[in-house]
Amino acid sequence: MSVSSPNPTFSKSVLPISLSTRMASFLATAGSMLTTENPLIWGYTRGAAHPLADMSGPYYMYGAPNVNFAPGKAVLGATEDLETSPLFLFSGKVLGPKGEPIEATLDLWQANTHGDYWLSEYRNRGKITTDPSTGGFEILTIPPAVYGIMGAQRVAHIHGIITAPGYQTLTTQLYLCPKNEVAEFQTDFINLIRRPREDMIKGWSIPTEEGDRYWGWPQLEPSETETVKLVEEWNGRLAKQPNGWKITCGGSQGIVLNKA
């Protein structure tokens, strides 16, 4: 996608991840599990540095492409998944400790609505640069799913590594729970190696004609003018596509980075 393009473009082709990149990523992940992300010390080091800090997990891949089509605006979800899943609009701002907007890079990756990650291609993976004037981001994607076997499940989440010159790098997992119920965090098996989280993306939904709301998230109210405007703008862009897509649900998350 071209950053200068006023509207997103959608293609079924997804960039492959080379074998060498996969091997380098796996080796780096294994190394970090023995050092910076060692569960025995993580809570006292990186885990204590930021309230949104989290482990990167085993599925990170180097080299994800930039997916901006305009400053702060991007499409993270793969076209194949966007065609068959609810459309989720993830928005927010990255700010500094004094509220200053930051031109940050969000390196994001996530599972699809079936809980699957792709390790051979950059599907549902990408780097997004925030709007330098506001620190804002608007990302079209799909809602990730809970995954794992019973008793060892992960709460739905979007992984991220957030970087900006002059600020500390933040590795995080941004969580989503049905009905925005914090109690869902208690089911996450990773709580065995770090304290349970209580921070999450605040989900909202646009009811179907039958009144169904995705994951029971509260209805987006007209009083939430800023988000309503974003949805209208995105639906305007999507109306120009032959697919007839519309935003079904979304969520917002503010992120404050620490000074380096």
C-alpha atoms as a PDB file:
ATOM      1  CA  MET A   1       0.000   0.000   0.000  1.00  0.00           C
ATOM      2  CA  SER A   2       1.186   3.469  -0.795  1.00  0.00           C
ATOM      3  CA  VAL A   3       1.271   5.933   2.080  1.00  0.00           C
ATOM      4  CA  SER A   4       0.254   8.685  -0.368  1.00  0.00           C
ATOM      5  CA  SER A   5      -2.935   6.882  -1.473  1.00  0.00           C
ATOM      6  CA  PRO A   6      -6.113   8.537  -0.077  1.00  0.00           C
ATOM      7  CA  ASN A   7      -7.918   5.201   0.187  1.00  0.00           C
ATOM      8  CA  PRO A   8      -6.792   1.668   1.034  1.00  0.00           C
ATOM      9  CA  THR A   9      -6.355  -0.931  -1.660  1.00  0.00           C
ATOM     10  CA  PHE A  10      -7.041  -4.611  -1.098  1.00  0.00           C
ATOM     11  CA  SER A  11      -5.168  -7.496  -2.651  1.00  0.00           C
ATOM     12  CA  LYS A  12      -5.378 -11.226  -2.039  1.00  0.00           C
ATOM     13  CA  SER A  13      -1.604 -11.533  -2.391  1.00  0.00           C
ATOM     14  CA  VAL A  14       0.306 -11.583   0.897  1.00  0.00           C
ATOM     15  CA  LEU A  15       4.057 -11.165   1.182  1.00  0.00           C
ATOM     16  CA  PRO A  16       5.773 -14.456   2.056  1.00  0.00           C
ATOM     17  CA  ILE A  17       8.137 -14.786   5.003  1.00  0.00           C
ATOM     18  CA  SER A  18      11.443 -16.258   3.884  1.00  0.00           C
ATOM     19  CA  LEU A  19      12.817 -19.343   5.573  1.00  0.00           C
ATOM     20  CA  SER A  20      15.850 -17.386   6.775  1.00  0.00           C
ATOM     21  CA  THR A  21      13.595 -14.737   8.381  1.00  0.00           C
ATOM     22  CA  ARG A  22      11.533 -17.430  10.077  1.00  0.00           C
ATOM     23  CA  MET A  23      14.636 -19.136  11.434  1.00  0.00           C
ATOM     24  CA  ALA A  24      16.100 -15.834  12.672  1.00  0.00           C
ATOM     25  CA  SER A  25      12.785 -14.952  14.343  1.00  0.00           C
ATOM     26  CA  PHE A  26      12.469 -18.338  16.040  1.00  0.00           C
ATOM     27  CA  LEU A  27      16.046 -18.212  17.294  1.00  0.00           C
ATOM     28  CA  ALA A  28      15.582 -14.663  18.628  1.00  0.00           C
ATOM     29  CA  THR A  29      12.388 -15.702  20.420  1.00  0.00           C
ATOM     30  CA  ALA A  30      14.101 -18.733  21.962  1.00  0.00           C
ATOM     31  CA  GLY A  31      17.006 -16.559  23.076  1.00  0.00           C
ATOM     32  CA  SER A  32      14.739 -13.944  24.658  1.00  0.00           C
ATOM     33  CA  MET A  33      12.908 -16.649  26.624  1.00  0.00           C
ATOM     34  CA  LEU A  34      16.220 -17.432  28.276  1.00  0.00           C
ATOM     35  CA  THR A  35      17.150 -13.788  28.885  1.00  0.00           C
ATOM     36  CA  THR A  36      14.915 -10.679  28.660  1.00  0.00           C
ATOM     37  CA  GLU A  37      11.631 -12.635  28.634  1.00  0.00           C
ATOM     38  CA  ASN A  38      12.643 -15.326  31.082  1.00  0.00           C
ATOM     39  CA  PRO A  39       9.451 -15.907  33.104  1.00  0.00           C
ATOM     40  CA  LEU A  40      11.488 -16.138  36.320  1.00  0.00           C
ATOM     41  CA  ILE A  41      12.715 -12.549  36.085  1.00  0.00           C
ATOM     42  CA  TRP A  42      10.476 -10.804  33.553  1.00  0.00           C
ATOM     43  CA  GLY A  43       8.072  -9.475  36.190  1.00  0.00           C
ATOM     44  CA  TYR A  44      10.933  -7.694  37.947  1.00  0.00           C
ATOM     45  CA  THR A  45      12.542  -6.242  34.805  1.00  0.00           C
ATOM     46  CA  ARG A  46      10.603  -5.479  31.622  1.00  0.00           C
ATOM     47  CA  GLY A  47       7.312  -6.419  33.224  1.00  0.00           C
ATOM     48  CA  ALA A  48       7.762  -3.769  35.897  1.00  0.00           C
ATOM     49  CA  ALA A  49       8.690  -0.979  33.472  1.00  0.00           C
ATOM     50  CA  HIS A  50       5.222  -0.219  32.076  1.00  0.00           C
ATOM     51  CA  PRO A  51       1.611  -1.111  33.008  1.00  0.00           C
ATOM     52  CA  LEU A  52       0.972  -2.334  29.441  1.00  0.00           C
ATOM     53  CA  ALA A  53       4.200  -4.355  29.217  1.00  0.00           C
ATOM     54  CA  ASP A  54       3.771  -7.981  28.191  1.00  0.00           C
ATOM     55  CA  MET A  55       5.735 -10.810  26.611  1.00  0.00           C
ATOM     56  CA  SER A  56       6.109 -10.964  22.852  1.00  0.00           C
ATOM     57  CA  GLY A  57       5.133 -14.637  22.662  1.00  0.00           C
ATOM     58  CA  PRO A  58       6.328 -17.274  20.172  1.00  0.00           C
ATOM     59  CA  TYR A  59       4.803 -15.958  16.919  1.00  0.00           C
ATOM     60  CA  TYR A  60       6.710 -12.742  16.240  1.00  0.00           C
ATOM     61  CA  MET A  61       8.298 -12.455  12.809  1.00  0.00           C
ATOM     62  CA  TYR A  62      10.907  -9.924  11.708  1.00  0.00           C
ATOM     63  CA  GLY A  63      10.374  -7.799   8.614  1.00  0.00           C
ATOM     64  CA  ALA A  64       6.645  -7.069   8.591  1.00  0.00           C
ATOM     65  CA  PRO A  65       5.724  -4.549   5.868  1.00  0.00           C
ATOM     66  CA  ASN A  66       4.399  -1.050   6.482  1.00  0.00           C
ATOM     67  CA  VAL A  67       0.626  -1.098   5.920  1.00  0.00           C
ATOM     68  CA  ASN A  68      -0.188   2.618   6.142  1.00  0.00           C
ATOM     69  CA  PHE A  69      -2.134   4.143   3.262  1.00  0.00           C
ATOM     70  CA  ALA A  70      -2.162   7.600   4.896  1.00  0.00           C
ATOM     71  CA  PRO A  71      -0.637   9.081   8.093  1.00  0.00           C
ATOM     72  CA  GLY A  72      -2.027   7.119  11.049  1.00  0.00           C
ATOM     73  CA  LYS A  73      -4.382   5.067   8.835  1.00  0.00           C
ATOM     74  CA  ALA A  74      -3.722   1.451   7.918  1.00  0.00           C
ATOM     75  CA  VAL A  75      -5.139  -1.944   7.006  1.00  0.00           C
ATOM     76  CA  LEU A  76      -3.696  -4.764   9.119  1.00  0.00           C
ATOM     77  CA  GLY A  77      -6.205  -7.532   8.362  1.00  0.00           C
ATOM     78  CA  ALA A  78      -5.489  -9.717   5.346  1.00  0.00           C
ATOM     79  CA  THR A  79      -8.046  -9.353   2.547  1.00  0.00           C
ATOM     80  CA  GLU A  80      -8.947 -13.050   2.740  1.00  0.00           C
ATOM     81  CA  ASP A  81      -9.828 -12.647   6.427  1.00  0.00           C
ATOM     82  CA  LEU A  82     -11.591  -9.301   5.947  1.00  0.00           C
ATOM     83  CA  GLU A  83     -13.881 -10.967   3.393  1.00  0.00           C
ATOM     84  CA  THR A  84     -15.045 -13.659   5.826  1.00  0.00           C
ATOM     85  CA  SER A  85     -14.870 -11.982   9.257  1.00  0.00           C
ATOM     86  CA  PRO A  86     -16.401  -9.019  11.095  1.00  0.00           C
ATOM     87  CA  LEU A  87     -14.578  -5.778  10.314  1.00  0.00           C
ATOM     88  CA  PHE A  88     -12.899  -4.377  13.427  1.00  0.00           C
ATOM     89  CA  LEU A  89     -11.728  -0.755  13.646  1.00  0.00           C
ATOM     90  CA  PHE A  90      -8.918  -0.365  16.179  1.00  0.00           C
ATOM     91  CA  SER A  91      -8.171   3.245  17.070  1.00  0.00           C
ATOM     92  CA  GLY A  92      -6.249   5.205  19.654  1.00  0.00           C
ATOM     93  CA  LYS A  93      -3.320   7.517  20.283  1.00  0.00           C
ATOM     94  CA  VAL A  94       0.311   7.084  21.280  1.00  0.00           C
ATOM     95  CA  LEU A  95       1.386   9.896  23.591  1.00  0.00           C
ATOM     96  CA  GLY A  96       4.330  10.825  25.766  1.00  0.00           C
ATOM     97  CA  PRO A  97       4.301  11.262  29.567  1.00  0.00           C
ATOM     98  CA  LYS A  98       3.193  14.908  29.245  1.00  0.00           C
ATOM     99  CA  GLY A  99       0.499  14.155  26.689  1.00  0.00           C
ATOM    100  CA  GLU A 100       2.640  15.079  23.694  1.00  0.00           C
ATOM    101  CA  PRO A 101       1.731  13.266  20.440  1.00  0.00           C
ATOM    102  CA  ILE A 102       4.325  10.774  19.251  1.00  0.00           C
ATOM    103  CA  GLU A 103       5.111   9.628  15.746  1.00  0.00           C
ATOM    104  CA  ALA A 104       5.508   6.001  16.738  1.00  0.00           C
ATOM    105  CA  THR A 105       5.769   2.717  14.861  1.00  0.00           C
ATOM    106  CA  LEU A 106       3.403  -0.057  15.906  1.00  0.00           C
ATOM    107  CA  ASP A 107       4.646  -3.468  14.797  1.00  0.00           C
ATOM    108  CA  LEU A 108       1.463  -5.546  15.186  1.00  0.00           C
ATOM    109  CA  TRP A 109       0.552  -9.189  14.669  1.00  0.00           C
ATOM    110  CA  GLN A 110      -2.549 -11.178  15.590  1.00  0.00           C
ATOM    111  CA  ALA A 111      -4.520 -14.374  15.171  1.00  0.00           C
ATOM    112  CA  ASN A 112      -7.601 -14.495  12.970  1.00  0.00           C
ATOM    113  CA  THR A 113     -11.172 -15.191  14.144  1.00  0.00           C
ATOM    114  CA  HIS A 114     -10.330 -18.904  14.358  1.00  0.00           C
ATOM    115  CA  GLY A 115      -7.272 -18.352  16.555  1.00  0.00           C
ATOM    116  CA  ASP A 116      -4.777 -19.104  13.771  1.00  0.00           C
ATOM    117  CA  TYR A 117      -1.430 -17.389  13.151  1.00  0.00           C
ATOM    118  CA  TRP A 118       0.407 -17.584   9.821  1.00  0.00           C
ATOM    119  CA  LEU A 119       4.148 -18.156  10.027  1.00  0.00           C
ATOM    120  CA  SER A 120       4.872 -18.502   6.312  1.00  0.00           C
ATOM    121  CA  GLU A 121       3.461 -15.119   5.213  1.00  0.00           C
ATOM    122  CA  TYR A 122       2.780 -11.669   6.685  1.00  0.00           C
ATOM    123  CA  ARG A 123      -0.932 -12.353   7.057  1.00  0.00           C
ATOM    124  CA  ASN A 124      -2.500 -10.122   9.725  1.00  0.00           C
ATOM    125  CA  ARG A 125       0.926  -8.639  10.390  1.00  0.00           C
ATOM    126  CA  GLY A 126       2.211  -5.164   9.684  1.00  0.00           C
ATOM    127  CA  LYS A 127       3.871  -1.955  10.816  1.00  0.00           C
ATOM    128  CA  ILE A 128       1.789   1.190  11.282  1.00  0.00           C
ATOM    129  CA  THR A 129       3.144   4.709  11.736  1.00  0.00           C
ATOM    130  CA  THR A 130       0.971   7.025  13.826  1.00  0.00           C
ATOM    131  CA  ASP A 131      -0.124  10.474  12.648  1.00  0.00           C
ATOM    132  CA  PRO A 132       2.753  12.735  13.756  1.00  0.00           C
ATOM    133  CA  SER A 133       0.418  15.666  14.501  1.00  0.00           C
ATOM    134  CA  THR A 134      -1.855  13.758  16.899  1.00  0.00           C
ATOM    135  CA  GLY A 135      -0.166  10.433  17.688  1.00  0.00           C
ATOM    136  CA  GLY A 136      -3.379   8.847  16.415  1.00  0.00           C
ATOM    137  CA  PHE A 137      -3.923   5.566  14.613  1.00  0.00           C
ATOM    138  CA  GLU A 138      -6.907   3.981  12.853  1.00  0.00           C
ATOM    139  CA  ILE A 139      -6.433   0.353  11.862  1.00  0.00           C
ATOM    140  CA  LEU A 140      -8.823  -1.846   9.907  1.00  0.00           C
ATOM    141  CA  THR A 141      -8.481  -5.469  10.930  1.00  0.00           C
ATOM    142  CA  ILE A 142     -10.502  -8.399  12.263  1.00  0.00           C
ATOM    143  CA  PRO A 143     -11.212  -9.300  15.892  1.00  0.00           C
ATOM    144  CA  PRO A 144      -8.731 -11.941  17.092  1.00  0.00           C
ATOM    145  CA  ALA A 145     -10.075 -15.067  18.753  1.00  0.00           C
ATOM    146  CA  VAL A 146      -9.395 -16.940  21.966  1.00  0.00           C
ATOM    147  CA  TYR A 147      -7.113 -19.881  21.192  1.00  0.00           C
ATOM    148  CA  GLY A 148      -5.527 -22.869  22.898  1.00  0.00           C
ATOM    149  CA  ILE A 149      -6.795 -26.085  24.449  1.00  0.00           C
ATOM    150  CA  MET A 150      -9.103 -26.124  27.439  1.00  0.00           C
ATOM    151  CA  GLY A 151      -7.139 -25.246  30.552  1.00  0.00           C
ATOM    152  CA  ALA A 152      -4.386 -23.589  28.506  1.00  0.00           C
ATOM    153  CA  GLN A 153      -6.243 -20.888  26.605  1.00  0.00           C
ATOM    154  CA  ARG A 154      -5.156 -17.379  25.700  1.00  0.00           C
ATOM    155  CA  VAL A 155      -7.506 -14.421  25.986  1.00  0.00           C
ATOM    156  CA  ALA A 156      -7.994 -12.745  22.579  1.00  0.00           C
ATOM    157  CA  HIS A 157      -5.286 -10.155  21.951  1.00  0.00           C
ATOM    158  CA  ILE A 158      -3.286  -8.144  19.439  1.00  0.00           C
ATOM    159  CA  HIS A 159       0.489  -8.255  19.882  1.00  0.00           C
ATOM    160  CA  GLY A 160       2.540  -5.123  19.493  1.00  0.00           C
ATOM    161  CA  ILE A 161       6.054  -3.728  19.700  1.00  0.00           C
ATOM    162  CA  ILE A 162       5.835   0.065  19.847  1.00  0.00           C
ATOM    163  CA  THR A 163       8.909   2.162  19.137  1.00  0.00           C
ATOM    164  CA  ALA A 164       9.675   5.874  18.830  1.00  0.00           C
ATOM    165  CA  PRO A 165      12.938   7.847  18.983  1.00  0.00           C
ATOM    166  CA  GLY A 166      13.577   9.158  22.486  1.00  0.00           C
ATOM    167  CA  TYR A 167      11.111   6.786  24.148  1.00  0.00           C
ATOM    168  CA  GLN A 168      11.373   3.332  25.674  1.00  0.00           C
ATOM    169  CA  THR A 169      10.285   0.457  23.431  1.00  0.00           C
ATOM    170  CA  LEU A 170       7.054  -1.133  24.649  1.00  0.00           C
ATOM    171  CA  THR A 171       6.293  -4.797  23.968  1.00  0.00           C
ATOM    172  CA  THR A 172       2.653  -5.413  24.743  1.00  0.00           C
ATOM    173  CA  GLN A 173      -0.455  -7.505  24.184  1.00  0.00           C
ATOM    174  CA  LEU A 174      -3.688  -5.539  23.788  1.00  0.00           C
ATOM    175  CA  TYR A 175      -6.600  -7.629  25.032  1.00  0.00           C
ATOM    176  CA  LEU A 176     -10.232  -8.061  24.018  1.00  0.00           C
ATOM    177  CA  CYS A 177     -12.881  -9.722  26.169  1.00  0.00           C
ATOM    178  CA  PRO A 178     -16.545 -10.570  25.489  1.00  0.00           C
ATOM    179  CA  LYS A 179     -18.850  -7.901  26.961  1.00  0.00           C
ATOM    180  CA  ASN A 180     -15.659  -6.097  28.108  1.00  0.00           C
ATOM    181  CA  GLU A 181     -15.698  -8.340  31.187  1.00  0.00           C
ATOM    182  CA  VAL A 182     -12.437  -8.062  33.133  1.00  0.00           C
ATOM    183  CA  ALA A 183     -13.146 -11.470  34.723  1.00  0.00           C
ATOM    184  CA  GLU A 184     -12.236 -13.089  31.387  1.00  0.00           C
ATOM    185  CA  PHE A 185      -8.581 -12.359  32.128  1.00  0.00           C
ATOM    186  CA  GLN A 186      -8.648 -14.973  34.874  1.00  0.00           C
ATOM    187  CA  THR A 187      -8.877 -17.713  32.224  1.00  0.00           C
ATOM    188  CA  ASP A 188      -5.573 -16.779  30.551  1.00  0.00           C
ATOM    189  CA  PHE A 189      -3.033 -19.505  31.262  1.00  0.00           C
ATOM    190  CA  ILE A 190      -0.118 -17.058  30.955  1.00  0.00           C
ATOM    191  CA  ASN A 191      -1.246 -15.730  34.352  1.00  0.00           C
ATOM    192  CA  LEU A 192       0.798 -18.631  35.723  1.00  0.00           C
ATOM    193  CA  ILE A 193       3.989 -16.715  34.886  1.00  0.00           C
ATOM    194  CA  ARG A 194       2.870 -13.091  35.275  1.00  0.00           C
ATOM    195  CA  ARG A 195       0.183 -11.209  37.171  1.00  0.00           C
ATOM    196  CA  PRO A 196      -3.312 -11.184  35.608  1.00  0.00           C
ATOM    197  CA  ARG A 197      -4.025  -8.211  33.378  1.00  0.00           C
ATOM    198  CA  GLU A 198      -6.930  -5.817  33.858  1.00  0.00           C
ATOM    199  CA  ASP A 199      -6.241  -3.513  30.908  1.00  0.00           C
ATOM    200  CA  MET A 200      -8.023  -4.116  27.637  1.00  0.00           C
ATOM    201  CA  ILE A 201      -9.214  -2.559  24.425  1.00  0.00           C
ATOM    202  CA  LYS A 202     -12.697  -1.189  25.139  1.00  0.00           C
ATOM    203  CA  GLY A 203     -14.807  -2.989  22.555  1.00  0.00           C
ATOM    204  CA  TRP A 204     -17.946  -1.611  20.927  1.00  0.00           C
ATOM    205  CA  SER A 205     -20.293  -2.964  18.284  1.00  0.00           C
ATOM    206  CA  ILE A 206     -22.816  -1.868  15.686  1.00  0.00           C
ATOM    207  CA  PRO A 207     -25.884  -4.147  16.009  1.00  0.00           C
ATOM    208  CA  THR A 208     -27.083  -6.131  13.015  1.00  0.00           C
ATOM    209  CA  GLU A 209     -30.644  -5.780  11.735  1.00  0.00           C
ATOM    210  CA  GLU A 210     -31.516  -8.649  14.080  1.00  0.00           C
ATOM    211  CA  GLY A 211     -30.024  -6.737  17.006  1.00  0.00           C
ATOM    212  CA  ASP A 212     -26.991  -9.012  17.434  1.00  0.00           C
ATOM    213  CA  ARG A 213     -23.872  -7.388  18.869  1.00  0.00           C
ATOM    214  CA  TYR A 214     -20.479  -8.965  18.231  1.00  0.00           C
ATOM    215  CA  TRP A 215     -19.164 -10.557  21.446  1.00  0.00           C
ATOM    216  CA  GLY A 216     -21.898  -8.741  23.346  1.00  0.00           C
ATOM    217  CA  TRP A 217     -19.946  -5.491  23.176  1.00  0.00           C
ATOM    218  CA  PRO A 218     -21.985  -2.365  23.973  1.00  0.00           C
ATOM    219  CA  GLN A 219     -23.559  -0.520  21.085  1.00  0.00           C
ATOM    220  CA  LEU A 220     -21.632   2.427  19.693  1.00  0.00           C
ATOM    221  CA  GLU A 221     -23.696   5.387  20.850  1.00  0.00           C
ATOM    222  CA  PRO A 222     -24.260   8.618  18.847  1.00  0.00           C
ATOM    223  CA  SER A 223     -22.792  10.542  21.794  1.00  0.00           C
ATOM    224  CA  GLU A 224     -19.383   8.983  21.035  1.00  0.00           C
ATOM    225  CA  THR A 225     -18.965  11.514  18.266  1.00  0.00           C
ATOM    226  CA  GLU A 226     -15.262  11.027  17.539  1.00  0.00           C
ATOM    227  CA  THR A 227     -15.614   7.268  17.039  1.00  0.00           C
ATOM    228  CA  VAL A 228     -18.869   7.651  15.096  1.00  0.00           C
ATOM    229  CA  LYS A 229     -17.068  10.025  12.731  1.00  0.00           C
ATOM    230  CA  LEU A 230     -14.233   7.512  12.242  1.00  0.00           C
ATOM    231  CA  VAL A 231     -16.725   4.750  11.404  1.00  0.00           C
ATOM    232  CA  GLU A 232     -18.508   6.984   8.891  1.00  0.00           C
ATOM    233  CA  GLU A 233     -15.194   7.885   7.237  1.00  0.00           C
ATOM    234  CA  TRP A 234     -14.104   4.257   7.036  1.00  0.00           C
ATOM    235  CA  ASN A 235     -17.482   3.065   5.741  1.00  0.00           C
ATOM    236  CA  GLY A 236     -17.187   5.780   3.090  1.00  0.00           C
ATOM    237  CA  ARG A 237     -13.825   4.351   2.020  1.00  0.00           C
ATOM    238  CA  LEU A 238     -15.128   0.779   2.085  1.00  0.00           C
ATOM    239  CA  ALA A 239     -18.208   1.719   0.036  1.00  0.00           C
ATOM    240  CA  LYS A 240     -15.829   2.376  -2.863  1.00  0.00           C
ATOM    241  CA  GLN A 241     -14.755  -1.262  -2.791  1.00  0.00           C
ATOM    242  CA  PRO A 242     -16.682  -3.949  -4.705  1.00  0.00           C
ATOM    243  CA  ASN A 243     -17.097  -6.004  -1.534  1.00  0.00           C
ATOM    244  CA  GLY A 244     -19.766  -3.847   0.133  1.00  0.00           C
ATOM    245  CA  TRP A 245     -17.990  -3.997   3.483  1.00  0.00           C
ATOM    246  CA  LYS A 246     -18.994  -2.090   6.607  1.00  0.00           C
ATOM    247  CA  ILE A 247     -17.446  -1.753  10.051  1.00  0.00           C
ATOM    248  CA  THR A 248     -19.122  -4.193  12.452  1.00  0.00           C
ATOM    249  CA  CYS A 249     -17.221  -3.577  15.661  1.00  0.00           C
ATOM    250  CA  GLY A 250     -14.132  -1.937  17.069  1.00  0.00           C
ATOM    251  CA  GLY A 251     -12.271  -0.741  20.087  1.00  0.00           C
ATOM    252  CA  SER A 252      -9.925   1.938  21.340  1.00  0.00           C
ATOM    253  CA  GLN A 253      -6.760   1.985  23.412  1.00  0.00           C
ATOM    254  CA  GLY A 254      -4.628   4.868  24.595  1.00  0.00           C
ATOM    255  CA  ILE A 255      -0.895   4.168  24.906  1.00  0.00           C
ATOM    256  CA  VAL A 256       1.569   6.317  26.850  1.00  0.00           C
ATOM    257  CA  LEU A 257       5.274   5.672  26.277  1.00  0.00           C
ATOM    258  CA  ASN A 258       7.968   6.313  28.855  1.00  0.00           C
ATOM    259  CA  LYS A 259      10.902   8.569  28.049  1.00  0.00           C
ATOM    260  CA  ALA A 260      14.116   6.733  27.253  1.00  0.00           C
END
